[in-house]
Amino acid sequence: LAYKHTDPPTLRTMYTAHFPDAAAKVDWERWLNAPGLPAEKPQFDGSRVTEAKALAERIIAGGAPAPADVEGWTTSAHIVLLEVLEAHAANQPLPEAQLEALGTAYAYNTTKNAEIRM
């Protein structure tokens, strides 16, 4: 199914063929036809989002960015940081010098990552 669409019956057939033990535990009728989210929805670790928002608040308060702030971050974490800064900028833009420091410290000025450059 890579790079193709599918429908629920095909998904169920393929999942059952590849993961028979797990498929036997799925309430397919509820998952495919009942309204709302499944009760078994995964619990996500939001610690990186919390960390990115806290860093944004520190920068907004005038804190100096350092490369170690974002060491090991995923693109998604950088996007959270930039979205919080962008929302703040709608009311009170950051000083140009702080933006330059941010771009340099976090390599935003030189990244080739299209999601961050947007």
C-alpha atoms as a PDB file:
ATOM      1  CA  LEU A   1       0.000   0.000   0.000  1.00  0.00           C
ATOM      2  CA  ALA A   2       2.977   2.320  -0.015  1.00  0.00           C
ATOM      3  CA  TYR A   3       2.071   5.547  -1.810  1.00  0.00           C
ATOM      4  CA  LYS A   4      -1.465   4.355  -2.517  1.00  0.00           C
ATOM      5  CA  HIS A   5      -4.851   4.899  -0.950  1.00  0.00           C
ATOM      6  CA  THR A   6      -6.927   2.128   0.532  1.00  0.00           C
ATOM      7  CA  ASP A   7     -10.373   1.466   1.898  1.00  0.00           C
ATOM      8  CA  PRO A   8     -11.364  -0.014   5.295  1.00  0.00           C
ATOM      9  CA  PRO A   9     -11.996  -3.585   4.065  1.00  0.00           C
ATOM     10  CA  THR A  10      -8.596  -3.725   2.352  1.00  0.00           C
ATOM     11  CA  LEU A  11      -6.874  -2.245   5.390  1.00  0.00           C
ATOM     12  CA  ARG A  12      -8.537  -4.813   7.648  1.00  0.00           C
ATOM     13  CA  THR A  13      -7.609  -7.702   5.348  1.00  0.00           C
ATOM     14  CA  MET A  14      -3.977  -6.640   5.071  1.00  0.00           C
ATOM     15  CA  TYR A  15      -3.617  -5.853   8.779  1.00  0.00           C
ATOM     16  CA  THR A  16      -5.139  -9.204   9.712  1.00  0.00           C
ATOM     17  CA  ALA A  17      -2.818 -11.027   7.307  1.00  0.00           C
ATOM     18  CA  HIS A  18       0.318  -9.325   8.661  1.00  0.00           C
ATOM     19  CA  PHE A  19      -0.603  -9.038  12.354  1.00  0.00           C
ATOM     20  CA  PRO A  20      -3.093 -11.832  13.128  1.00  0.00           C
ATOM     21  CA  ASP A  21      -2.653 -11.745  16.918  1.00  0.00           C
ATOM     22  CA  ALA A  22      -3.099  -7.980  17.135  1.00  0.00           C
ATOM     23  CA  ALA A  23      -5.964  -8.004  14.628  1.00  0.00           C
ATOM     24  CA  ALA A  24      -7.873 -10.516  16.755  1.00  0.00           C
ATOM     25  CA  LYS A  25      -7.972  -7.921  19.571  1.00  0.00           C
ATOM     26  CA  VAL A  26      -9.410  -5.113  17.418  1.00  0.00           C
ATOM     27  CA  ASP A  27     -13.120  -4.313  17.607  1.00  0.00           C
ATOM     28  CA  TRP A  28     -13.296  -3.551  13.888  1.00  0.00           C
ATOM     29  CA  GLU A  29     -16.956  -2.540  13.908  1.00  0.00           C
ATOM     30  CA  ARG A  30     -16.352   0.115  16.555  1.00  0.00           C
ATOM     31  CA  TRP A  31     -13.081   1.330  15.023  1.00  0.00           C
ATOM     32  CA  LEU A  32     -14.469   1.662  11.517  1.00  0.00           C
ATOM     33  CA  ASN A  33     -18.096   2.635  12.086  1.00  0.00           C
ATOM     34  CA  ALA A  34     -18.634   4.074  15.576  1.00  0.00           C
ATOM     35  CA  PRO A  35     -18.436   7.856  16.065  1.00  0.00           C
ATOM     36  CA  GLY A  36     -15.631   9.493  18.023  1.00  0.00           C
ATOM     37  CA  LEU A  37     -12.084   8.501  18.827  1.00  0.00           C
ATOM     38  CA  PRO A  38     -11.290   4.907  19.753  1.00  0.00           C
ATOM     39  CA  ALA A  39     -10.909   4.277  23.477  1.00  0.00           C
ATOM     40  CA  GLU A  40      -7.454   2.846  22.772  1.00  0.00           C
ATOM     41  CA  LYS A  41      -6.027   6.075  21.418  1.00  0.00           C
ATOM     42  CA  PRO A  42      -2.304   6.295  22.122  1.00  0.00           C
ATOM     43  CA  GLN A  43      -0.863   8.434  24.873  1.00  0.00           C
ATOM     44  CA  PHE A  44       1.680  10.818  23.430  1.00  0.00           C
ATOM     45  CA  ASP A  45       4.675  12.246  25.203  1.00  0.00           C
ATOM     46  CA  GLY A  46       4.193  16.009  25.121  1.00  0.00           C
ATOM     47  CA  SER A  47       7.381  16.855  26.981  1.00  0.00           C
ATOM     48  CA  ARG A  48       9.156  18.199  23.882  1.00  0.00           C
ATOM     49  CA  VAL A  49       6.207  20.495  23.119  1.00  0.00           C
ATOM     50  CA  THR A  50       6.296  21.785  26.697  1.00  0.00           C
ATOM     51  CA  GLU A  51      10.052  22.301  26.397  1.00  0.00           C
ATOM     52  CA  ALA A  52       9.691  24.192  23.101  1.00  0.00           C
ATOM     53  CA  LYS A  53       6.996  26.471  24.523  1.00  0.00           C
ATOM     54  CA  ALA A  54       9.089  27.175  27.632  1.00  0.00           C
ATOM     55  CA  LEU A  55      12.084  28.054  25.449  1.00  0.00           C
ATOM     56  CA  ALA A  56       9.910  30.391  23.387  1.00  0.00           C
ATOM     57  CA  GLU A  57       8.752  32.145  26.551  1.00  0.00           C
ATOM     58  CA  ARG A  58      12.365  32.498  27.703  1.00  0.00           C
ATOM     59  CA  ILE A  59      13.331  34.034  24.360  1.00  0.00           C
ATOM     60  CA  ILE A  60      10.319  36.362  24.437  1.00  0.00           C
ATOM     61  CA  ALA A  61      11.427  37.483  27.909  1.00  0.00           C
ATOM     62  CA  GLY A  62      14.808  38.422  26.424  1.00  0.00           C
ATOM     63  CA  GLY A  63      16.796  35.256  27.038  1.00  0.00           C
ATOM     64  CA  ALA A  64      19.764  34.640  24.776  1.00  0.00           C
ATOM     65  CA  PRO A  65      19.494  31.604  22.492  1.00  0.00           C
ATOM     66  CA  ALA A  66      22.269  29.003  22.587  1.00  0.00           C
ATOM     67  CA  PRO A  67      22.809  25.993  20.293  1.00  0.00           C
ATOM     68  CA  ALA A  68      22.499  23.615  23.268  1.00  0.00           C
ATOM     69  CA  ASP A  69      18.876  24.775  23.741  1.00  0.00           C
ATOM     70  CA  VAL A  70      17.736  22.758  20.741  1.00  0.00           C
ATOM     71  CA  GLU A  71      20.282  19.952  20.657  1.00  0.00           C
ATOM     72  CA  GLY A  72      18.620  16.725  19.528  1.00  0.00           C
ATOM     73  CA  TRP A  73      15.341  18.405  18.601  1.00  0.00           C
ATOM     74  CA  THR A  74      13.137  17.162  15.803  1.00  0.00           C
ATOM     75  CA  THR A  75      11.720  19.398  13.106  1.00  0.00           C
ATOM     76  CA  SER A  76       8.354  19.277  14.884  1.00  0.00           C
ATOM     77  CA  ALA A  77       9.833  20.719  18.079  1.00  0.00           C
ATOM     78  CA  HIS A  78      11.445  23.566  16.113  1.00  0.00           C
ATOM     79  CA  ILE A  79       8.094  24.262  14.463  1.00  0.00           C
ATOM     80  CA  VAL A  80       6.376  24.519  17.860  1.00  0.00           C
ATOM     81  CA  LEU A  81       9.025  26.994  18.998  1.00  0.00           C
ATOM     82  CA  LEU A  82       8.682  29.079  15.837  1.00  0.00           C
ATOM     83  CA  GLU A  83       4.867  29.024  15.973  1.00  0.00           C
ATOM     84  CA  VAL A  84       4.856  30.364  19.541  1.00  0.00           C
ATOM     85  CA  LEU A  85       7.332  33.088  18.564  1.00  0.00           C
ATOM     86  CA  GLU A  86       5.262  33.932  15.490  1.00  0.00           C
ATOM     87  CA  ALA A  87       2.064  34.219  17.538  1.00  0.00           C
ATOM     88  CA  HIS A  88       3.842  36.552  19.965  1.00  0.00           C
ATOM     89  CA  ALA A  89       5.228  38.631  17.091  1.00  0.00           C
ATOM     90  CA  ALA A  90       1.700  39.432  15.919  1.00  0.00           C
ATOM     91  CA  ASN A  91       1.371  41.681  18.975  1.00  0.00           C
ATOM     92  CA  GLN A  92       4.973  42.516  19.779  1.00  0.00           C
ATOM     93  CA  PRO A  93       7.752  41.632  17.333  1.00  0.00           C
ATOM     94  CA  LEU A  94      11.100  40.539  18.706  1.00  0.00           C
ATOM     95  CA  PRO A  95      14.005  42.941  18.167  1.00  0.00           C
ATOM     96  CA  GLU A  96      15.955  42.346  14.969  1.00  0.00           C
ATOM     97  CA  ALA A  97      19.167  41.617  16.896  1.00  0.00           C
ATOM     98  CA  GLN A  98      17.395  38.914  18.879  1.00  0.00           C
ATOM     99  CA  LEU A  99      16.037  37.362  15.679  1.00  0.00           C
ATOM    100  CA  GLU A 100      19.537  37.324  14.194  1.00  0.00           C
ATOM    101  CA  ALA A 101      20.894  35.670  17.344  1.00  0.00           C
ATOM    102  CA  LEU A 102      18.082  33.123  17.197  1.00  0.00           C
ATOM    103  CA  GLY A 103      18.775  32.352  13.529  1.00  0.00           C
ATOM    104  CA  THR A 104      22.479  31.920  14.176  1.00  0.00           C
ATOM    105  CA  ALA A 105      22.247  29.910  17.417  1.00  0.00           C
ATOM    106  CA  TYR A 106      19.638  27.494  16.086  1.00  0.00           C
ATOM    107  CA  ALA A 107      21.042  27.431  12.514  1.00  0.00           C
ATOM    108  CA  TYR A 108      17.762  28.744  11.075  1.00  0.00           C
ATOM    109  CA  ASN A 109      19.721  31.104   8.823  1.00  0.00           C
ATOM    110  CA  THR A 110      21.490  28.228   7.088  1.00  0.00           C
ATOM    111  CA  THR A 111      19.095  25.278   7.346  1.00  0.00           C
ATOM    112  CA  LYS A 112      17.985  23.543   4.207  1.00  0.00           C
ATOM    113  CA  ASN A 113      14.943  22.092   5.997  1.00  0.00           C
ATOM    114  CA  ALA A 114      11.967  23.407   4.019  1.00  0.00           C
ATOM    115  CA  GLU A 115       9.564  23.048   6.950  1.00  0.00           C
ATOM    116  CA  ILE A 116      11.662  25.348   9.103  1.00  0.00           C
ATOM    117  CA  ARG A 117      12.475  27.807   6.310  1.00  0.00           C
ATOM    118  CA  MET A 118       8.796  28.426   5.648  1.00  0.00           C
END
